[in-house]
Protein backbone atom coordinates (compact mmCIF):
# COMPACT_ATOMS: atom_id res chain seq x y z
CA UNK A 1 7.06 18.92 19.37
CA UNK A 2 4.08 20.46 17.50
CA UNK A 3 1.20 22.49 18.89
CA UNK A 4 -0.91 19.35 18.69
CA UNK A 5 1.40 17.60 21.15
CA UNK A 6 1.42 20.66 23.45
CA UNK A 7 -2.37 20.62 23.76
CA UNK A 8 -2.51 18.21 26.67
CA UNK A 9 0.02 20.24 28.67
CA UNK A 10 -1.65 23.60 28.25
CA UNK A 11 -5.26 22.41 28.62
CA UNK A 12 -4.95 22.11 32.36
CA UNK A 13 -3.24 25.45 32.83
CA UNK A 14 -5.63 27.43 30.68
CA UNK A 15 -8.87 25.54 31.13
CA UNK A 16 -10.30 28.09 33.53
CA UNK A 17 -9.16 31.05 31.46
CA UNK A 18 -10.47 29.46 28.28
CA UNK A 19 -13.89 28.92 29.81
CA UNK A 20 -14.07 32.60 30.66
CA UNK A 21 -12.94 33.83 27.23
CA UNK A 22 -14.52 31.24 24.91
CA UNK A 23 -17.76 33.23 24.48
CA UNK A 24 -15.72 36.01 22.88
CA UNK A 25 -14.00 33.76 20.38
CA UNK A 26 -15.60 33.47 16.95
CA UNK A 27 -15.32 30.29 14.90
CA UNK A 28 -12.33 30.46 12.62
CA UNK A 29 -14.10 29.05 9.61
CA UNK A 30 -13.08 26.70 6.81
CA UNK A 31 -10.79 29.18 5.08
CA UNK A 32 -8.74 29.76 8.22
CA UNK A 33 -8.53 26.04 8.88
CA UNK A 34 -7.21 25.37 5.40
CA UNK A 35 -4.70 28.21 5.76
CA UNK A 36 -3.41 26.65 8.94
CA UNK A 37 -3.21 23.22 7.31
CA UNK A 38 -0.98 24.61 4.61
CA UNK A 39 1.51 25.81 7.23
CA UNK A 40 2.89 22.55 8.65
CA UNK A 41 6.59 22.95 7.98
CA UNK A 42 8.09 23.85 11.31
CA UNK A 43 7.10 23.86 14.95
CA UNK A 44 5.07 26.97 15.72
CA UNK A 45 4.97 28.72 19.06
CA UNK A 46 1.77 28.61 21.08
CA UNK A 47 1.49 31.54 23.44
CA UNK A 48 -1.12 32.82 25.81
CA UNK A 49 -2.29 35.42 23.33
CA UNK A 50 -3.31 32.95 20.59
CA UNK A 51 -6.47 31.52 22.04
CA UNK A 52 -7.98 30.78 18.64
CA UNK A 53 -5.22 28.26 17.92
CA UNK A 54 -6.76 26.09 20.60
CA UNK A 55 -10.11 26.28 18.89
CA UNK A 56 -8.54 25.22 15.57
CA UNK A 57 -6.47 22.27 16.79
CA UNK A 58 -9.01 19.53 16.09
CA UNK A 59 -10.21 20.65 12.63
CA UNK A 60 -6.66 21.34 11.43
CA UNK A 61 -5.42 17.95 12.55
CA UNK A 62 -8.33 16.21 10.85
CA UNK A 63 -7.82 18.05 7.55
CA UNK A 64 -4.06 17.56 7.62
CA UNK A 65 -4.40 13.82 8.03
CA UNK A 66 -6.55 13.61 4.88
CA UNK A 67 -4.58 16.04 2.69
CA UNK A 68 -0.86 16.49 3.51
CA UNK A 69 0.07 19.94 2.29
CA UNK A 70 2.41 20.69 -0.61
CA UNK A 71 1.27 24.30 -0.92
CA UNK A 72 3.43 27.29 0.14
CA UNK A 73 3.22 28.06 3.85
CA UNK A 74 1.06 30.85 5.15
CA UNK A 75 1.32 33.01 8.27
CA UNK A 76 -0.42 31.26 11.13
CA UNK A 77 -3.32 33.14 12.71
CA UNK A 78 -3.84 35.56 9.80
CA UNK A 79 -7.63 35.48 10.32
CA UNK A 80 -7.71 35.30 14.11
CA UNK A 81 -10.54 36.84 16.09
CA UNK A 82 -9.71 39.66 18.53
CA UNK A 83 -8.57 38.46 21.92
CA UNK A 84 -10.74 39.40 24.94
CA UNK A 85 -7.86 40.90 26.89
CA UNK A 86 -6.60 44.33 25.74
CA UNK A 87 -3.13 43.54 27.11
CA UNK A 88 -2.71 40.34 25.05
CA UNK A 89 -1.41 40.97 21.52
CA UNK A 90 -1.82 38.35 18.78
CA UNK A 91 1.30 36.26 18.16
CA UNK A 92 2.11 35.17 14.61
CA UNK A 93 4.59 32.41 13.89
CA UNK A 94 7.41 33.01 11.37
CA UNK A 95 6.58 31.49 7.98
CA UNK A 96 8.83 28.61 7.00
CA UNK A 97 10.36 28.26 3.55
CA UNK A 98 8.19 26.37 1.11
CA UNK A 99 9.35 23.00 -0.19
CA UNK A 100 10.90 22.89 -3.66
CA UNK A 101 8.24 22.15 -6.27
CA UNK A 102 8.74 19.91 -9.28
CA UNK A 103 8.19 22.86 -11.64
CA UNK A 104 10.77 24.89 -9.75
CA UNK A 105 13.33 22.08 -9.89
CA UNK A 106 12.77 21.62 -13.62
CA UNK A 107 13.76 25.25 -14.22
CA UNK A 108 16.54 25.70 -11.68
CA UNK A 109 20.31 26.05 -11.75
CA UNK A 110 21.24 22.71 -10.15
CA UNK A 111 24.54 21.42 -8.81
CA UNK A 112 24.57 17.96 -10.42
CA UNK A 113 26.85 15.29 -8.88
CA UNK A 114 29.32 13.45 -11.08
CA UNK A 115 27.91 10.46 -12.91
CA UNK A 116 29.13 7.77 -15.27
CA UNK A 117 29.16 9.12 -18.85
CA UNK A 118 28.77 12.73 -17.64
CA UNK A 119 31.89 13.19 -15.56
CA UNK A 120 34.78 15.64 -15.50
CA UNK A 121 33.77 18.94 -17.11
CA UNK A 122 30.12 17.89 -17.05
CA UNK A 123 30.05 17.98 -13.22
CA UNK A 124 28.76 21.11 -11.46
CA UNK A 125 26.10 23.74 -12.06
CA UNK A 126 23.61 23.20 -14.85
CA UNK A 127 20.74 25.50 -15.79
CA UNK A 128 17.64 23.43 -16.51
CA UNK A 129 14.72 24.60 -18.63
CA UNK A 130 11.62 22.42 -18.60
CA UNK A 131 13.69 19.62 -17.10
CA UNK A 132 16.50 19.72 -19.67
CA UNK A 133 20.02 21.17 -19.58
CA UNK A 134 22.11 21.43 -22.75
CA UNK A 135 25.83 20.86 -22.30
CA UNK A 136 28.17 23.54 -23.71
CA UNK A 137 29.85 22.58 -26.97
CA UNK A 138 33.33 22.24 -25.44
CA UNK A 139 31.95 19.92 -22.74
CA UNK A 140 30.07 17.87 -25.35
CA UNK A 141 33.29 17.21 -27.23
CA UNK A 142 35.10 16.09 -24.09
CA UNK A 143 32.48 13.76 -22.58
CA UNK A 144 30.69 12.77 -25.83
CA UNK A 145 27.30 13.67 -24.37
CA UNK A 146 24.72 16.26 -25.39
CA UNK A 147 22.44 17.07 -22.45
CA UNK A 148 21.02 16.19 -19.03
CA UNK A 149 17.34 15.38 -18.51
CA UNK A 150 15.20 15.14 -15.37
CA UNK A 151 13.26 11.99 -16.16
CA UNK A 152 11.18 11.66 -12.99
CA UNK A 153 10.76 13.57 -9.72
CA UNK A 154 9.46 12.11 -6.44
CA UNK A 155 8.85 14.10 -3.21
CA UNK A 156 10.39 12.37 -0.17
CA UNK A 157 11.02 13.76 3.31
CA UNK A 158 14.45 12.17 3.62
CA UNK A 159 15.53 14.13 6.72
CA UNK A 160 12.09 13.68 8.34
CA UNK A 161 11.68 17.34 9.28
CA UNK A 162 8.19 17.61 7.81
CA UNK A 163 9.41 19.30 4.62
CA UNK A 164 9.67 17.00 1.59
CA UNK A 165 12.78 17.04 -0.55
CA UNK A 166 12.75 16.03 -4.22
CA UNK A 167 14.42 12.90 -5.54
CA UNK A 168 15.22 13.12 -9.25
CA UNK A 169 16.10 10.47 -11.82
CA UNK A 170 18.67 12.21 -14.05
CA UNK A 171 19.64 10.96 -17.49
CA UNK A 172 22.83 11.88 -19.35
CA UNK A 173 22.36 11.53 -23.10
CA UNK A 174 25.71 10.09 -24.18
CA UNK A 175 26.97 8.92 -27.54
CA UNK A 176 27.31 5.26 -26.53
CA UNK A 177 24.04 5.11 -24.59
CA UNK A 178 22.58 7.06 -21.69
CA UNK A 179 23.91 7.25 -18.17
CA UNK A 180 21.68 7.56 -15.10
CA UNK A 181 21.83 8.67 -11.50
CA UNK A 182 19.40 9.47 -8.70
CA UNK A 183 20.04 12.61 -6.64
CA UNK A 184 18.06 14.50 -3.98
CA UNK A 185 17.50 18.26 -3.84
CA UNK A 186 16.03 20.41 -1.08
CA UNK A 187 15.34 23.98 -0.04
CA UNK A 188 18.31 26.19 0.78
CA UNK A 189 17.28 29.23 2.79
CA UNK A 190 14.13 30.95 1.63
CA UNK A 191 14.19 30.32 -2.11
CA UNK A 192 17.47 28.56 -2.91
CA UNK A 193 17.96 24.90 -3.88
CA UNK A 194 20.72 22.71 -2.53
CA UNK A 195 21.92 19.26 -3.50
CA UNK A 196 21.84 16.82 -0.60
CA UNK A 197 23.73 14.20 -2.57
CA UNK A 198 23.66 11.30 -4.96
CA UNK A 199 21.51 8.32 -4.02
CA UNK A 200 22.81 5.89 -6.64
CA UNK A 201 24.57 5.91 -9.99
CA UNK A 202 25.68 3.49 -12.67
CA UNK A 203 28.76 1.35 -12.32
CA UNK A 204 31.33 2.44 -14.88
CA UNK A 205 34.41 0.86 -16.38
CA UNK A 206 36.71 3.31 -14.57
CA UNK A 207 37.63 3.24 -10.89
CA UNK A 208 35.60 6.43 -10.35
CA UNK A 209 32.31 4.52 -10.22
CA UNK A 210 32.89 1.06 -8.75
CA UNK A 211 29.89 0.96 -6.41
CA UNK A 212 27.03 1.60 -8.79
CA UNK A 213 24.67 -0.77 -10.58
CA UNK A 214 24.53 -1.75 -14.27
CA UNK A 215 21.12 -0.14 -14.82
CA UNK A 216 18.67 2.29 -13.15
CA UNK A 217 15.11 2.15 -14.40
CA UNK A 218 12.75 4.05 -12.06
CA UNK A 219 12.32 5.86 -8.73
CA UNK A 220 9.48 6.12 -6.22
CA UNK A 221 8.80 7.75 -2.85
CA UNK A 222 8.91 5.65 0.31
CA UNK A 223 8.42 6.48 3.98
CA UNK A 224 11.41 8.80 4.37
CA UNK A 225 13.39 6.73 1.86
CA UNK A 226 14.04 6.87 -1.88
CA UNK A 227 13.06 3.72 -3.76
CA UNK A 228 15.17 2.94 -6.82
CA UNK A 229 14.45 0.23 -9.39
CA UNK A 230 17.75 -1.24 -10.55
CA UNK A 231 18.70 -3.74 -13.28
CA UNK A 232 21.56 -6.21 -13.56
CA UNK A 233 21.99 -5.41 -17.27
CA UNK A 234 22.42 -2.09 -19.03
CA UNK A 235 19.98 -2.58 -21.89
CA UNK A 236 20.14 1.03 -23.08
CA UNK A 237 23.78 0.99 -24.14
CA UNK A 238 24.51 1.10 -27.87
CA UNK A 239 23.24 -2.17 -29.35
CA UNK A 240 21.96 -3.51 -26.02
CA UNK A 241 18.19 -3.43 -26.55
CA UNK A 242 18.08 -7.22 -26.70
CA UNK A 243 18.88 -7.38 -22.98
CA UNK A 244 15.67 -5.66 -21.91
CA UNK A 245 13.74 -8.94 -21.74
CA UNK A 246 16.43 -10.82 -19.81
CA UNK A 247 17.40 -8.18 -17.25
CA UNK A 248 16.62 -8.80 -13.58
CA UNK A 249 14.83 -5.88 -11.90
CA UNK A 250 14.84 -5.06 -8.17
CA UNK A 251 13.54 -2.29 -5.93
CA UNK A 252 16.06 -1.05 -3.38
CA UNK A 253 15.58 1.59 -0.67
CA UNK A 254 18.02 4.32 0.34
CA UNK A 255 17.92 6.56 3.41
CA UNK A 256 19.69 9.78 4.41
CA UNK A 257 21.96 9.46 7.48
CA UNK A 258 22.70 13.16 7.74
CA UNK A 259 25.80 12.98 5.55
CA UNK A 260 25.07 10.61 2.67
CA UNK A 261 22.59 8.10 1.32
CA UNK A 262 23.00 4.43 2.21
CA UNK A 263 20.93 1.39 1.34
CA UNK A 264 18.37 0.59 4.03
CA UNK A 265 16.10 -1.94 2.35
CA UNK A 266 15.69 -4.36 -0.51
CA UNK A 267 18.20 -6.87 -1.92
CA UNK A 268 21.84 -5.78 -2.17
CA UNK A 269 22.93 -8.27 -4.83
CA UNK A 270 21.54 -9.87 -7.98
CA UNK A 271 21.04 -13.55 -8.48
CA UNK A 272 23.05 -15.23 -11.20
CA UNK A 273 21.64 -14.33 -14.61
CA UNK A 274 21.91 -17.32 -16.92
CA UNK A 275 22.21 -15.06 -19.94
CA UNK A 276 25.46 -13.45 -18.79
CA UNK A 277 28.70 -14.49 -20.42
CA UNK A 278 31.57 -15.94 -18.39
CA UNK A 279 34.89 -16.15 -20.18
CA UNK A 280 38.44 -16.86 -19.06
CA UNK A 281 41.19 -15.22 -21.12
CA UNK A 282 44.94 -15.78 -21.13
CA UNK A 283 47.56 -13.99 -23.21
CA UNK A 284 51.15 -15.13 -23.45
CA UNK A 285 54.10 -12.85 -22.93
CA UNK A 286 55.49 -11.51 -26.20
CA UNK A 287 59.25 -11.98 -26.34
CA UNK A 288 60.85 -10.07 -29.18
CA UNK A 289 64.00 -11.84 -30.34
CA UNK A 290 65.42 -11.97 -33.83
CA UNK A 291 65.89 -8.67 -35.65
CA UNK A 292 65.35 -8.52 -39.42
CA UNK A 293 64.48 -5.70 -41.78
CA UNK A 294 64.60 -3.12 -39.02
CA UNK A 295 62.03 -4.98 -36.88
CA UNK A 296 62.15 -7.24 -33.84
CA UNK A 297 59.78 -10.21 -34.15
CA UNK A 298 57.71 -12.14 -31.62
CA UNK A 299 54.52 -14.17 -31.10
CA UNK A 300 51.36 -13.62 -29.04
CA UNK A 301 49.04 -16.50 -28.14
CA UNK A 302 45.51 -15.74 -26.90
CA UNK A 303 43.26 -18.44 -25.42
CA UNK A 304 39.59 -17.93 -24.55
CA UNK A 305 37.50 -20.43 -22.56
CA UNK A 306 33.73 -20.38 -22.10
CA UNK A 307 33.02 -20.95 -18.40
CA UNK A 308 29.27 -20.39 -18.70
CA UNK A 309 26.63 -23.12 -18.87
CA UNK A 310 25.31 -21.77 -22.16
CA UNK A 311 26.85 -21.34 -25.58
CA UNK A 312 28.42 -18.08 -26.72
CA UNK A 313 26.91 -17.40 -30.14
CA UNK A 314 29.56 -14.96 -31.34
CA UNK A 315 32.99 -14.35 -29.83
CA UNK A 316 34.78 -11.07 -30.48
CA UNK A 317 38.52 -10.70 -29.80
CA UNK A 318 40.43 -7.43 -30.26
CA UNK A 319 44.12 -6.56 -29.76
CA UNK A 320 45.27 -3.16 -28.56
CA UNK A 321 49.02 -2.72 -28.97
CA UNK A 322 51.64 0.02 -28.62
CA UNK A 323 51.84 2.36 -31.59
CA UNK A 324 55.22 0.90 -32.61
CA UNK A 325 53.90 -2.68 -32.84
CA UNK A 326 52.12 -4.38 -35.77
CA UNK A 327 50.76 -7.81 -36.67
CA UNK A 328 52.41 -9.48 -39.65
CA UNK A 329 51.91 -12.51 -41.80
CA UNK A 330 48.66 -14.44 -42.04
CA UNK A 331 46.02 -13.52 -39.47
CA UNK A 332 43.93 -16.17 -37.67
CA UNK A 333 40.66 -17.03 -39.39
CA UNK A 334 37.98 -14.41 -38.76
CA UNK A 335 40.49 -11.63 -37.96
CA UNK A 336 40.88 -8.40 -39.91
CA UNK A 337 42.75 -5.11 -39.61
CA UNK A 338 41.17 -1.74 -40.34
CA UNK A 339 42.95 1.54 -40.89
CA UNK A 340 46.75 1.43 -40.89
CA UNK A 341 48.21 -1.94 -41.91
CA UNK A 342 48.85 -4.26 -39.00
CA UNK A 343 47.42 -2.05 -36.25
CA UNK A 344 44.96 -3.46 -33.70
CA UNK A 345 43.39 -6.50 -35.37
CA UNK A 346 39.83 -7.50 -34.47
CA UNK A 347 38.35 -10.96 -34.81
CA UNK A 348 34.74 -12.05 -35.20
CA UNK A 349 34.71 -15.74 -34.39
CA UNK A 350 32.08 -18.44 -34.35
CA UNK A 351 30.24 -19.92 -31.40
CA UNK A 352 31.94 -21.29 -28.31
CA UNK A 353 30.27 -24.20 -26.50
CA UNK A 354 30.20 -24.47 -22.68
CA UNK A 355 33.65 -25.49 -21.43
CA UNK A 356 35.22 -25.12 -24.91
CA UNK A 357 38.32 -23.07 -25.68
CA UNK A 358 39.56 -21.17 -28.71
CA UNK A 359 43.21 -20.25 -29.35
CA UNK A 360 44.52 -17.49 -31.62
CA UNK A 361 48.19 -17.01 -32.57
CA UNK A 362 49.42 -13.62 -33.78
CA UNK A 363 52.85 -12.87 -35.20
CA UNK A 364 54.01 -9.40 -34.17
CA UNK A 365 56.80 -7.04 -35.13
CA UNK A 366 58.04 -3.83 -33.56
CA UNK A 367 60.39 -1.02 -34.48
CA UNK A 368 61.50 -0.89 -30.88
CA UNK A 369 64.54 -3.17 -31.03
CA UNK A 370 65.37 -3.36 -27.32
CA UNK A 371 63.90 -2.66 -23.92
CA UNK A 372 66.15 0.41 -23.66
CA UNK A 373 64.92 1.90 -26.90
CA UNK A 374 62.43 4.75 -26.58
CA UNK A 375 58.80 3.72 -26.97
CA UNK A 376 56.64 5.48 -29.49
CA UNK A 377 54.21 7.62 -27.52
CA UNK A 378 50.80 6.05 -27.15
CA UNK A 379 47.72 6.73 -25.06
CA UNK A 380 47.66 3.13 -23.84
CA UNK A 381 49.28 2.26 -20.53
CA UNK A 382 49.74 -1.39 -21.51
CA UNK A 383 48.93 -3.65 -24.47
CA UNK A 384 45.83 -5.77 -23.88
CA UNK A 385 43.35 -8.23 -25.34
CA UNK A 386 39.62 -7.46 -25.21
CA UNK A 387 37.10 -10.32 -25.39
CA UNK A 388 33.37 -9.75 -25.92
CA UNK A 389 30.49 -12.18 -26.27
CA UNK A 390 27.30 -11.44 -28.18
CA UNK A 391 24.17 -13.25 -29.28
CA UNK A 392 23.51 -14.12 -32.91
CA UNK A 393 22.07 -11.20 -34.87
CA UNK A 394 22.91 -8.67 -32.13
CA UNK A 395 25.67 -6.09 -31.84
CA UNK A 396 25.59 -5.34 -28.12
CA UNK A 397 28.00 -7.04 -25.77
CA UNK A 398 26.72 -9.56 -23.23
CA UNK A 399 27.69 -8.66 -19.66
CA UNK A 400 30.65 -10.78 -18.67
CA UNK A 401 31.07 -12.29 -15.21
CA UNK A 402 34.54 -13.49 -16.12
CA UNK A 403 37.49 -11.81 -17.79
CA UNK A 404 36.72 -9.41 -20.59
CA UNK A 405 40.17 -7.91 -20.76
CA UNK A 406 43.68 -9.12 -20.06
CA UNK A 407 46.98 -7.24 -20.40
CA UNK A 408 49.96 -8.94 -21.99
CA UNK A 409 53.64 -8.32 -21.36
CA UNK A 410 56.31 -7.45 -23.90
CA UNK A 411 59.98 -8.20 -23.39
CA UNK A 412 63.19 -8.50 -25.41
CA UNK A 413 65.86 -11.19 -25.48
């Protein structure tokens, strides 16, 4: 409860005393009123000795309603008039810590939450200078990103204590396109800065970030909530600029529940985007049988079906196989192999009409002659087929509502 709310309760008790002492009280003046306005962070004590506070209640409330303060707090009653009673000493309220300013945040050592494309060694403390934090060289090499950037800052009182926190849109400049997240920072003690938490991040391909969104475009301050503009397409990934005009944009609101941020307003899902791809992919099991020339031989059949209502202009199919496995013989039309002969073929195919299918047959060979034979070490957990759809003249992948990847099994007779 503020001193403004206490006014009704103390008026009755001190009315008589105030009438007797009011002639001795000098007007506080505009400067004092503005000083009091700037100190609105915490509840301040009203005691018998501070009679001039009563005289300032109305002007302070009027000024505060027109100009909410972002300035550092001042000591209440610094320019008070002497009290009429020699036994009553002036009471000064303890100054509260000032809110974090945008300039302060842009030059602080911030604890940045993990985010898609700036994870692992990039998580933790980062020293920002003018809103930018360069990643150390060893971290750059591991996460393939160069720096973090504070793109936009919005003051929001998320815990509704009268002191605004700062919501920040943070960009991670990565090699394959930027990553984004929204996080909130507040005052810690007198001059420290703490991280309340992440509001929202991007959805990544790994299981670490399953709950994010494809794109984050903007932030804004709401009434105790952080507003985030989200997109159903990531049009800033490498080669994805063509999706900017077809992306669906939404404003969603997020509130602080004392422990984390949860969505409190706005839509929670996107409507179907007609430009998104929708493919179904099947890959047969590869059964290695006959052995000849030191290799076991088998066949892989890949079938792709277009489930969308619109044509796929260009279909891309790639194979990722164990290091001991190669393709042999004639490749399907449109397929090539780069680097070592027979390793990981990629295919650039023609268009695929709605409901149409395309089948590719690959002949494979492996130096692993039985299931008991040791496998050549590889970073891949399982062989798989990757399917991507693009538009004519573009290099970026269309988001896929269907299957973009399917693992295939390998066995021996």
